[in-house]
């Protein structure tokens, strides 16, 4: 079968974490073949360099269902005002990235 790169979307995710000064971002990868992907996150201050997110900052949860794979990244809410977050999805067909539209 033909390799198809994923379609990647990033959304703010509602969760109870916001009560503790946290915020969540949902990265969704869909419509790809084969369905195996790996997620990573980067962030960027306005006019600043792109930074890899250290694994310690926030947690990442993954779930796979209905042909979609999603990762949720929990981050400090204050950081959401300072940085733009980008989700990178590595796939057999190449890497696709998307930035949250905050």
C-alpha atoms as a PDB file:
ATOM      1  CA  UNK A   1       0.000   0.000   0.000  1.00  0.00           C
ATOM      2  CA  UNK A   2       1.024   3.579  -0.583  1.00  0.00           C
ATOM      3  CA  UNK A   3       2.635   5.621   2.201  1.00  0.00           C
ATOM      4  CA  UNK A   4       0.455   8.630   3.081  1.00  0.00           C
ATOM      5  CA  UNK A   5       1.732  11.450   5.283  1.00  0.00           C
ATOM      6  CA  UNK A   6      -0.459  12.474   8.230  1.00  0.00           C
ATOM      7  CA  UNK A   7      -2.684  15.528   8.438  1.00  0.00           C
ATOM      8  CA  UNK A   8      -1.668  17.329  11.650  1.00  0.00           C
ATOM      9  CA  UNK A   9      -3.803  19.690  13.755  1.00  0.00           C
ATOM     10  CA  UNK A  10      -3.137  21.373  17.115  1.00  0.00           C
ATOM     11  CA  UNK A  11      -5.937  22.450  19.458  1.00  0.00           C
ATOM     12  CA  UNK A  12      -6.192  23.778  22.992  1.00  0.00           C
ATOM     13  CA  UNK A  13      -7.503  20.871  25.044  1.00  0.00           C
ATOM     14  CA  UNK A  14      -9.957  21.321  27.885  1.00  0.00           C
ATOM     15  CA  UNK A  15      -8.844  19.606  31.049  1.00  0.00           C
ATOM     16  CA  UNK A  16      -8.933  19.983  34.797  1.00  0.00           C
ATOM     17  CA  UNK A  17      -5.236  20.863  34.695  1.00  0.00           C
ATOM     18  CA  UNK A  18      -6.104  24.536  34.094  1.00  0.00           C
ATOM     19  CA  UNK A  19      -7.234  24.736  37.715  1.00  0.00           C
ATOM     20  CA  UNK A  20      -3.607  24.227  38.738  1.00  0.00           C
ATOM     21  CA  UNK A  21      -2.220  26.895  36.418  1.00  0.00           C
ATOM     22  CA  UNK A  22      -1.658  24.385  33.652  1.00  0.00           C
ATOM     23  CA  UNK A  23      -2.897  24.251  30.101  1.00  0.00           C
ATOM     24  CA  UNK A  24      -3.128  21.409  27.599  1.00  0.00           C
ATOM     25  CA  UNK A  25      -2.502  21.215  23.881  1.00  0.00           C
ATOM     26  CA  UNK A  26      -3.839  18.409  21.739  1.00  0.00           C
ATOM     27  CA  UNK A  27      -1.933  17.354  18.635  1.00  0.00           C
ATOM     28  CA  UNK A  28      -3.915  15.148  16.275  1.00  0.00           C
ATOM     29  CA  UNK A  29      -2.418  13.128  13.421  1.00  0.00           C
ATOM     30  CA  UNK A  30      -4.876  11.531  11.023  1.00  0.00           C
ATOM     31  CA  UNK A  31      -5.361  10.057   7.537  1.00  0.00           C
ATOM     32  CA  UNK A  32      -1.877   8.514   7.405  1.00  0.00           C
ATOM     33  CA  UNK A  33      -0.608   5.132   6.303  1.00  0.00           C
ATOM     34  CA  UNK A  34       0.969   3.258   7.936  1.00  0.00           C
ATOM     35  CA  UNK A  35      -0.650   4.518  11.155  1.00  0.00           C
ATOM     36  CA  UNK A  36       2.575   4.610  13.205  1.00  0.00           C
ATOM     37  CA  UNK A  37       3.795   8.079  14.197  1.00  0.00           C
ATOM     38  CA  UNK A  38       5.975   9.726  16.832  1.00  0.00           C
ATOM     39  CA  UNK A  39       5.248  13.106  18.386  1.00  0.00           C
ATOM     40  CA  UNK A  40       7.590  15.805  19.577  1.00  0.00           C
ATOM     41  CA  UNK A  41       7.019  19.416  20.600  1.00  0.00           C
ATOM     42  CA  UNK A  42       8.937  22.651  20.116  1.00  0.00           C
ATOM     43  CA  UNK A  43       8.229  26.190  21.225  1.00  0.00           C
ATOM     44  CA  UNK A  44       9.227  29.643  20.079  1.00  0.00           C
ATOM     45  CA  UNK A  45       9.132  33.081  21.667  1.00  0.00           C
ATOM     46  CA  UNK A  46       8.114  35.925  19.369  1.00  0.00           C
ATOM     47  CA  UNK A  47      11.069  36.508  17.018  1.00  0.00           C
ATOM     48  CA  UNK A  48      13.090  33.997  19.035  1.00  0.00           C
ATOM     49  CA  UNK A  49      14.775  30.715  18.162  1.00  0.00           C
ATOM     50  CA  UNK A  50      12.874  27.439  18.012  1.00  0.00           C
ATOM     51  CA  UNK A  51      13.439  25.439  21.210  1.00  0.00           C
ATOM     52  CA  UNK A  52      13.041  21.712  21.745  1.00  0.00           C
ATOM     53  CA  UNK A  53      10.738  21.071  24.667  1.00  0.00           C
ATOM     54  CA  UNK A  54      12.513  19.237  27.457  1.00  0.00           C
ATOM     55  CA  UNK A  55      10.730  15.998  28.374  1.00  0.00           C
ATOM     56  CA  UNK A  56      10.402  17.248  31.970  1.00  0.00           C
ATOM     57  CA  UNK A  57       8.091  20.098  31.007  1.00  0.00           C
ATOM     58  CA  UNK A  58       4.628  18.676  30.921  1.00  0.00           C
ATOM     59  CA  UNK A  59       3.455  15.202  30.247  1.00  0.00           C
ATOM     60  CA  UNK A  60       2.565  13.603  26.966  1.00  0.00           C
ATOM     61  CA  UNK A  61      -0.250  11.119  26.592  1.00  0.00           C
ATOM     62  CA  UNK A  62      -0.913   9.241  23.383  1.00  0.00           C
ATOM     63  CA  UNK A  63      -3.983   7.376  22.247  1.00  0.00           C
ATOM     64  CA  UNK A  64      -4.826   5.695  18.969  1.00  0.00           C
ATOM     65  CA  UNK A  65      -8.378   5.186  17.812  1.00  0.00           C
ATOM     66  CA  UNK A  66     -10.394   5.425  14.603  1.00  0.00           C
ATOM     67  CA  UNK A  67      -7.313   5.935  12.454  1.00  0.00           C
ATOM     68  CA  UNK A  68      -6.147   8.952  14.465  1.00  0.00           C
ATOM     69  CA  UNK A  69      -3.280   9.240  16.891  1.00  0.00           C
ATOM     70  CA  UNK A  70      -3.203  12.116  19.350  1.00  0.00           C
ATOM     71  CA  UNK A  71      -0.763  13.459  21.897  1.00  0.00           C
ATOM     72  CA  UNK A  72      -1.701  15.764  24.745  1.00  0.00           C
ATOM     73  CA  UNK A  73       0.978  18.059  26.120  1.00  0.00           C
ATOM     74  CA  UNK A  74       0.434  19.692  29.507  1.00  0.00           C
ATOM     75  CA  UNK A  75       2.268  23.005  29.878  1.00  0.00           C
ATOM     76  CA  UNK A  76       2.342  25.973  32.245  1.00  0.00           C
ATOM     77  CA  UNK A  77      -0.472  28.327  31.344  1.00  0.00           C
ATOM     78  CA  UNK A  78       1.851  31.331  31.684  1.00  0.00           C
ATOM     79  CA  UNK A  79       4.170  29.813  29.086  1.00  0.00           C
ATOM     80  CA  UNK A  80       1.261  29.689  26.632  1.00  0.00           C
ATOM     81  CA  UNK A  81       1.237  33.505  26.556  1.00  0.00           C
ATOM     82  CA  UNK A  82       5.003  33.680  26.037  1.00  0.00           C
ATOM     83  CA  UNK A  83       5.524  30.934  23.476  1.00  0.00           C
ATOM     84  CA  UNK A  84       3.964  29.495  20.358  1.00  0.00           C
ATOM     85  CA  UNK A  85       3.950  25.707  20.554  1.00  0.00           C
ATOM     86  CA  UNK A  86       4.477  23.452  17.539  1.00  0.00           C
ATOM     87  CA  UNK A  87       3.770  19.757  17.269  1.00  0.00           C
ATOM     88  CA  UNK A  88       6.050  17.654  15.067  1.00  0.00           C
ATOM     89  CA  UNK A  89       4.800  14.298  13.811  1.00  0.00           C
ATOM     90  CA  UNK A  90       7.413  11.881  12.493  1.00  0.00           C
ATOM     91  CA  UNK A  91       6.105   9.392   9.968  1.00  0.00           C
ATOM     92  CA  UNK A  92       7.497   7.004   7.378  1.00  0.00           C
ATOM     93  CA  UNK A  93       6.464   9.526   4.709  1.00  0.00           C
ATOM     94  CA  UNK A  94       8.298  12.397   6.412  1.00  0.00           C
ATOM     95  CA  UNK A  95       7.843  14.869   9.269  1.00  0.00           C
ATOM     96  CA  UNK A  96       4.783  17.127   9.386  1.00  0.00           C
ATOM     97  CA  UNK A  97       4.486  20.017  11.842  1.00  0.00           C
ATOM     98  CA  UNK A  98       1.719  22.354  12.917  1.00  0.00           C
ATOM     99  CA  UNK A  99       1.702  25.351  15.267  1.00  0.00           C
ATOM    100  CA  UNK A 100      -1.098  26.052  17.724  1.00  0.00           C
ATOM    101  CA  UNK A 101      -3.283  28.909  16.603  1.00  0.00           C
ATOM    102  CA  UNK A 102      -3.379  30.753  19.925  1.00  0.00           C
END
